Amino acid sequence: MAARGFALLMLFASPAAADYDPSQYPAYETCALCHGLFGVSHSAKFPNLGGQKKAYIEAQVRAFREGHRTNDGGQMVTIVTELQPEDIPFVADWFSTQDPPAAYPAAGDTGLGAARFSDLGCSGCHDNSPDGAPGVPYLTAQHADYLVKQMTDFRDARRDVRAIPGMHKATLDIPDAEIAAVAAYLAATERR
């Protein structure tokens, strides 16, 4: 009986698979597999893109495509090759126009994180306002673990810092506990 059910399932499933045409779906759906359809990912391995700056999303996709950014274990380097260059602005526009994610519940030393974020001058570029520099990402309401990885990768030179002002590397020369506190603070801060 189970074998007959399986055979029927395969019979009906086969035509659907044969008719699949990825060109019939918007390009942002490729990205949505990891980043969520509306830019809120369910895993801290993948950043939230909802409400992120369009220019920043475009720049990062291009950096992965051109091999200037590779700190992800190769997943993005592989997946961005499925996007046509002309699709990149469309994808960036989709995610940038979605609602930003909600802030995460406070976990960790958010007081120390707020102080270090301010002391290091991070808010000068990573301010939370919509008027900030277009190529600089919002960091608020982002997965804390994702932020820890990125800050640690900058600090330890696993992420290319050539295109970033020299001060960026210097400000990330802080211990792991302070990086975790800054990440906890940013994750728990609502985006305006």
C-alpha atoms as a PDB file:
ATOM      1  CA  MET A   1       0.000   0.000   0.000  1.00  0.00           C
ATOM      2  CA  ALA A   2       2.798   2.432   0.899  1.00  0.00           C
ATOM      3  CA  ALA A   3       4.587   1.659  -2.379  1.00  0.00           C
ATOM      4  CA  ARG A   4       1.429   2.474  -4.373  1.00  0.00           C
ATOM      5  CA  GLY A   5       1.041   5.780  -2.527  1.00  0.00           C
ATOM      6  CA  PHE A   6       4.654   6.674  -3.233  1.00  0.00           C
ATOM      7  CA  ALA A   7       4.255   5.797  -6.928  1.00  0.00           C
ATOM      8  CA  LEU A   8       1.169   8.024  -7.190  1.00  0.00           C
ATOM      9  CA  LEU A   9       2.972  10.860  -5.435  1.00  0.00           C
ATOM     10  CA  MET A  10       5.887  10.602  -7.874  1.00  0.00           C
ATOM     11  CA  LEU A  11       3.508  10.464 -10.842  1.00  0.00           C
ATOM     12  CA  PHE A  12       1.801  13.696  -9.841  1.00  0.00           C
ATOM     13  CA  ALA A  13       4.973  15.419  -8.661  1.00  0.00           C
ATOM     14  CA  SER A  14       6.961  14.799 -11.828  1.00  0.00           C
ATOM     15  CA  PRO A  15       5.116  17.186 -14.176  1.00  0.00           C
ATOM     16  CA  ALA A  16       5.387  20.049 -11.686  1.00  0.00           C
ATOM     17  CA  ALA A  17       9.147  19.610 -11.431  1.00  0.00           C
ATOM     18  CA  ALA A  18       9.461  19.381 -15.205  1.00  0.00           C
ATOM     19  CA  ASP A  19       7.560  22.640 -15.671  1.00  0.00           C
ATOM     20  CA  TYR A  20       9.719  24.646 -13.248  1.00  0.00           C
ATOM     21  CA  ASP A  21      11.271  27.676 -14.928  1.00  0.00           C
ATOM     22  CA  PRO A  22      13.363  29.898 -12.637  1.00  0.00           C
ATOM     23  CA  SER A  23      13.130  32.802 -15.094  1.00  0.00           C
ATOM     24  CA  GLN A  24       9.419  33.037 -14.226  1.00  0.00           C
ATOM     25  CA  TYR A  25      10.212  34.135 -10.661  1.00  0.00           C
ATOM     26  CA  PRO A  26      11.527  37.504  -9.486  1.00  0.00           C
ATOM     27  CA  ALA A  27      15.292  37.552  -8.920  1.00  0.00           C
ATOM     28  CA  TYR A  28      14.890  38.499  -5.259  1.00  0.00           C
ATOM     29  CA  GLU A  29      13.385  35.068  -4.576  1.00  0.00           C
ATOM     30  CA  THR A  30      16.849  33.570  -5.029  1.00  0.00           C
ATOM     31  CA  CYS A  31      18.044  35.735  -2.127  1.00  0.00           C
ATOM     32  CA  ALA A  32      14.887  35.090  -0.112  1.00  0.00           C
ATOM     33  CA  LEU A  33      15.842  31.464   0.428  1.00  0.00           C
ATOM     34  CA  CYS A  34      18.352  32.612   3.063  1.00  0.00           C
ATOM     35  CA  HIS A  35      17.421  36.230   3.803  1.00  0.00           C
ATOM     36  CA  GLY A  36      13.639  35.757   3.966  1.00  0.00           C
ATOM     37  CA  LEU A  37      11.143  36.941   1.368  1.00  0.00           C
ATOM     38  CA  PHE A  38      10.712  40.261   3.148  1.00  0.00           C
ATOM     39  CA  GLY A  39      14.330  40.519   4.275  1.00  0.00           C
ATOM     40  CA  VAL A  40      14.041  39.052   7.771  1.00  0.00           C
ATOM     41  CA  SER A  41      16.146  35.922   7.988  1.00  0.00           C
ATOM     42  CA  HIS A  42      15.468  33.118  10.424  1.00  0.00           C
ATOM     43  CA  SER A  43      19.139  32.351  10.975  1.00  0.00           C
ATOM     44  CA  ALA A  44      21.850  34.587  12.402  1.00  0.00           C
ATOM     45  CA  LYS A  45      24.131  33.225   9.700  1.00  0.00           C
ATOM     46  CA  PHE A  46      22.259  35.384   7.181  1.00  0.00           C
ATOM     47  CA  PRO A  47      21.770  39.120   7.760  1.00  0.00           C
ATOM     48  CA  ASN A  48      18.410  40.826   7.740  1.00  0.00           C
ATOM     49  CA  LEU A  49      18.069  42.882   4.567  1.00  0.00           C
ATOM     50  CA  GLY A  50      14.602  44.369   5.104  1.00  0.00           C
ATOM     51  CA  GLY A  51      14.784  48.157   5.120  1.00  0.00           C
ATOM     52  CA  GLN A  52      18.550  48.133   4.519  1.00  0.00           C
ATOM     53  CA  LYS A  53      20.001  50.851   2.274  1.00  0.00           C
ATOM     54  CA  LYS A  54      19.675  50.027  -1.422  1.00  0.00           C
ATOM     55  CA  ALA A  55      23.169  51.263  -2.308  1.00  0.00           C
ATOM     56  CA  TYR A  56      24.691  49.122   0.427  1.00  0.00           C
ATOM     57  CA  ILE A  57      22.897  45.958  -0.714  1.00  0.00           C
ATOM     58  CA  GLU A  58      23.972  46.563  -4.316  1.00  0.00           C
ATOM     59  CA  ALA A  59      27.575  47.187  -3.279  1.00  0.00           C
ATOM     60  CA  GLN A  60      27.756  43.991  -1.221  1.00  0.00           C
ATOM     61  CA  VAL A  61      26.242  41.824  -3.974  1.00  0.00           C
ATOM     62  CA  ARG A  62      28.750  43.267  -6.433  1.00  0.00           C
ATOM     63  CA  ALA A  63      31.609  42.738  -3.951  1.00  0.00           C
ATOM     64  CA  PHE A  64      30.698  39.061  -3.681  1.00  0.00           C
ATOM     65  CA  ARG A  65      30.304  38.738  -7.480  1.00  0.00           C
ATOM     66  CA  GLU A  66      33.695  40.338  -8.104  1.00  0.00           C
ATOM     67  CA  GLY A  67      35.507  38.395  -5.387  1.00  0.00           C
ATOM     68  CA  HIS A  68      36.182  41.424  -3.160  1.00  0.00           C
ATOM     69  CA  ARG A  69      34.163  39.910  -0.338  1.00  0.00           C
ATOM     70  CA  THR A  70      34.533  36.256   0.565  1.00  0.00           C
ATOM     71  CA  ASN A  71      34.095  35.995   4.348  1.00  0.00           C
ATOM     72  CA  ASP A  72      30.978  33.824   4.172  1.00  0.00           C
ATOM     73  CA  GLY A  73      32.355  30.368   3.477  1.00  0.00           C
ATOM     74  CA  GLY A  74      31.530  30.684  -0.212  1.00  0.00           C
ATOM     75  CA  GLN A  75      27.715  30.604  -0.083  1.00  0.00           C
ATOM     76  CA  MET A  76      27.167  34.144  -1.366  1.00  0.00           C
ATOM     77  CA  VAL A  77      29.988  33.947  -3.865  1.00  0.00           C
ATOM     78  CA  THR A  78      28.189  30.972  -5.389  1.00  0.00           C
ATOM     79  CA  ILE A  79      24.606  32.244  -5.193  1.00  0.00           C
ATOM     80  CA  VAL A  80      25.201  35.741  -6.603  1.00  0.00           C
ATOM     81  CA  THR A  81      26.360  34.188  -9.860  1.00  0.00           C
ATOM     82  CA  GLU A  82      22.702  33.202 -10.374  1.00  0.00           C
ATOM     83  CA  LEU A  83      21.784  36.890 -10.550  1.00  0.00           C
ATOM     84  CA  GLN A  84      22.184  38.769 -13.785  1.00  0.00           C
ATOM     85  CA  PRO A  85      23.981  42.120 -13.346  1.00  0.00           C
ATOM     86  CA  GLU A  86      20.811  43.943 -14.388  1.00  0.00           C
ATOM     87  CA  ASP A  87      18.884  42.131 -11.616  1.00  0.00           C
ATOM     88  CA  ILE A  88      21.034  43.527  -8.817  1.00  0.00           C
ATOM     89  CA  PRO A  89      19.321  46.963  -8.555  1.00  0.00           C
ATOM     90  CA  PHE A  90      15.915  45.253  -8.677  1.00  0.00           C
ATOM     91  CA  VAL A  91      16.874  42.859  -5.857  1.00  0.00           C
ATOM     92  CA  ALA A  92      18.368  45.688  -3.774  1.00  0.00           C
ATOM     93  CA  ASP A  93      15.261  47.806  -4.309  1.00  0.00           C
ATOM     94  CA  TRP A  94      12.979  44.954  -3.209  1.00  0.00           C
ATOM     95  CA  PHE A  95      14.751  44.406   0.099  1.00  0.00           C
ATOM     96  CA  SER A  96      15.396  48.086   0.797  1.00  0.00           C
ATOM     97  CA  THR A  97      11.676  48.890   0.482  1.00  0.00           C
ATOM     98  CA  GLN A  98      10.569  46.178   2.919  1.00  0.00           C
ATOM     99  CA  ASP A  99       9.901  46.982   6.554  1.00  0.00           C
ATOM    100  CA  PRO A 100      12.988  46.761   8.738  1.00  0.00           C
ATOM    101  CA  PRO A 101      13.065  43.901  11.215  1.00  0.00           C
ATOM    102  CA  ALA A 102      11.922  44.412  14.767  1.00  0.00           C
ATOM    103  CA  ALA A 103      14.606  44.770  17.404  1.00  0.00           C
ATOM    104  CA  TYR A 104      15.547  41.606  19.256  1.00  0.00           C
ATOM    105  CA  PRO A 105      15.039  41.203  23.009  1.00  0.00           C
ATOM    106  CA  ALA A 106      17.985  42.600  24.945  1.00  0.00           C
ATOM    107  CA  ALA A 107      20.554  39.928  25.701  1.00  0.00           C
ATOM    108  CA  GLY A 108      24.002  40.696  27.027  1.00  0.00           C
ATOM    109  CA  ASP A 109      25.528  43.912  28.296  1.00  0.00           C
ATOM    110  CA  THR A 110      23.670  46.438  26.156  1.00  0.00           C
ATOM    111  CA  GLY A 111      24.781  49.292  28.428  1.00  0.00           C
ATOM    112  CA  LEU A 112      28.453  48.549  27.753  1.00  0.00           C
ATOM    113  CA  GLY A 113      27.604  48.034  24.087  1.00  0.00           C
ATOM    114  CA  ALA A 114      25.912  51.427  23.792  1.00  0.00           C
ATOM    115  CA  ALA A 115      28.853  53.114  25.515  1.00  0.00           C
ATOM    116  CA  ARG A 116      31.469  51.408  23.305  1.00  0.00           C
ATOM    117  CA  PHE A 117      29.448  52.097  20.136  1.00  0.00           C
ATOM    118  CA  SER A 118      29.413  55.763  21.090  1.00  0.00           C
ATOM    119  CA  ASP A 119      33.034  55.914  22.361  1.00  0.00           C
ATOM    120  CA  LEU A 120      34.365  54.331  19.169  1.00  0.00           C
ATOM    121  CA  GLY A 121      32.510  56.828  17.007  1.00  0.00           C
ATOM    122  CA  CYS A 122      30.555  54.128  15.169  1.00  0.00           C
ATOM    123  CA  SER A 123      27.369  56.170  15.173  1.00  0.00           C
ATOM    124  CA  GLY A 124      29.065  58.837  13.060  1.00  0.00           C
ATOM    125  CA  CYS A 125      28.713  56.573  10.013  1.00  0.00           C
ATOM    126  CA  HIS A 126      26.298  53.867  11.164  1.00  0.00           C
ATOM    127  CA  ASP A 127      23.667  56.246  12.443  1.00  0.00           C
ATOM    128  CA  ASN A 128      20.131  55.011  12.577  1.00  0.00           C
ATOM    129  CA  SER A 129      18.600  57.751  10.455  1.00  0.00           C
ATOM    130  CA  PRO A 130      17.373  57.416   6.878  1.00  0.00           C
ATOM    131  CA  ASP A 131      19.586  60.386   5.914  1.00  0.00           C
ATOM    132  CA  GLY A 132      22.889  58.567   6.578  1.00  0.00           C
ATOM    133  CA  ALA A 133      25.494  57.747   3.950  1.00  0.00           C
ATOM    134  CA  PRO A 134      23.883  55.449   1.344  1.00  0.00           C
ATOM    135  CA  GLY A 135      26.800  53.009   1.174  1.00  0.00           C
ATOM    136  CA  VAL A 136      26.996  52.484   4.923  1.00  0.00           C
ATOM    137  CA  PRO A 137      24.693  49.831   6.404  1.00  0.00           C
ATOM    138  CA  TYR A 138      22.227  50.122   9.207  1.00  0.00           C
ATOM    139  CA  LEU A 139      23.368  47.889  12.040  1.00  0.00           C
ATOM    140  CA  THR A 140      20.361  48.129  14.328  1.00  0.00           C
ATOM    141  CA  ALA A 141      17.847  45.275  14.609  1.00  0.00           C
ATOM    142  CA  GLN A 142      20.408  42.937  13.069  1.00  0.00           C
ATOM    143  CA  HIS A 143      21.212  39.443  14.361  1.00  0.00           C
ATOM    144  CA  ALA A 144      23.737  39.850  17.200  1.00  0.00           C
ATOM    145  CA  ASP A 145      25.683  36.743  16.161  1.00  0.00           C
ATOM    146  CA  TYR A 146      25.928  38.045  12.591  1.00  0.00           C
ATOM    147  CA  LEU A 147      27.269  41.366  13.864  1.00  0.00           C
ATOM    148  CA  VAL A 148      29.808  39.612  16.095  1.00  0.00           C
ATOM    149  CA  LYS A 149      31.091  37.621  13.128  1.00  0.00           C
ATOM    150  CA  GLN A 150      31.376  40.668  10.880  1.00  0.00           C
ATOM    151  CA  MET A 151      33.106  42.849  13.492  1.00  0.00           C
ATOM    152  CA  THR A 152      35.486  40.028  14.373  1.00  0.00           C
ATOM    153  CA  ASP A 153      36.201  39.417  10.679  1.00  0.00           C
ATOM    154  CA  PHE A 154      37.036  43.117  10.224  1.00  0.00           C
ATOM    155  CA  ARG A 155      39.202  43.147  13.335  1.00  0.00           C
ATOM    156  CA  ASP A 156      41.060  39.966  12.399  1.00  0.00           C
ATOM    157  CA  ALA A 157      41.442  40.948   8.703  1.00  0.00           C
ATOM    158  CA  ARG A 158      39.244  38.121   7.410  1.00  0.00           C
ATOM    159  CA  ARG A 159      37.090  40.741   5.742  1.00  0.00           C
ATOM    160  CA  ASP A 160      38.636  43.158   3.263  1.00  0.00           C
ATOM    161  CA  VAL A 161      39.052  46.595   4.792  1.00  0.00           C
ATOM    162  CA  ARG A 162      40.683  48.321   1.811  1.00  0.00           C
ATOM    163  CA  ALA A 163      37.472  50.024   0.720  1.00  0.00           C
ATOM    164  CA  ILE A 164      36.699  51.157   4.255  1.00  0.00           C
ATOM    165  CA  PRO A 165      38.218  54.203   5.936  1.00  0.00           C
ATOM    166  CA  GLY A 166      41.338  53.418   7.987  1.00  0.00           C
ATOM    167  CA  MET A 167      39.537  54.360  11.183  1.00  0.00           C
ATOM    168  CA  HIS A 168      37.189  51.390  10.743  1.00  0.00           C
ATOM    169  CA  LYS A 169      39.936  48.854  11.327  1.00  0.00           C
ATOM    170  CA  ALA A 170      41.269  50.777  14.317  1.00  0.00           C
ATOM    171  CA  THR A 171      37.865  51.033  15.969  1.00  0.00           C
ATOM    172  CA  LEU A 172      37.403  47.303  15.733  1.00  0.00           C
ATOM    173  CA  ASP A 173      40.613  46.591  17.612  1.00  0.00           C
ATOM    174  CA  ILE A 174      38.580  45.715  20.686  1.00  0.00           C
ATOM    175  CA  PRO A 175      38.253  42.487  22.694  1.00  0.00           C
ATOM    176  CA  ASP A 176      35.633  39.832  21.995  1.00  0.00           C
ATOM    177  CA  ALA A 177      33.564  40.731  25.076  1.00  0.00           C
ATOM    178  CA  GLU A 178      33.179  44.330  23.889  1.00  0.00           C
ATOM    179  CA  ILE A 179      32.308  43.228  20.360  1.00  0.00           C
ATOM    180  CA  ALA A 180      29.605  40.979  21.825  1.00  0.00           C
ATOM    181  CA  ALA A 181      28.280  43.877  23.928  1.00  0.00           C
ATOM    182  CA  VAL A 182      28.136  46.227  20.914  1.00  0.00           C
ATOM    183  CA  ALA A 183      26.346  43.526  18.903  1.00  0.00           C
ATOM    184  CA  ALA A 184      23.840  42.929  21.722  1.00  0.00           C
ATOM    185  CA  TYR A 185      23.128  46.660  21.932  1.00  0.00           C
ATOM    186  CA  LEU A 186      22.627  47.009  18.156  1.00  0.00           C
ATOM    187  CA  ALA A 187      20.418  43.921  17.912  1.00  0.00           C
ATOM    188  CA  ALA A 188      18.162  45.264  20.674  1.00  0.00           C
ATOM    189  CA  THR A 189      17.896  48.753  19.132  1.00  0.00           C
ATOM    190  CA  GLU A 190      14.841  49.490  17.007  1.00  0.00           C
ATOM    191  CA  ARG A 191      15.539  50.971  13.593  1.00  0.00           C
ATOM    192  CA  ARG A 192      13.911  54.343  13.005  1.00  0.00           C
END
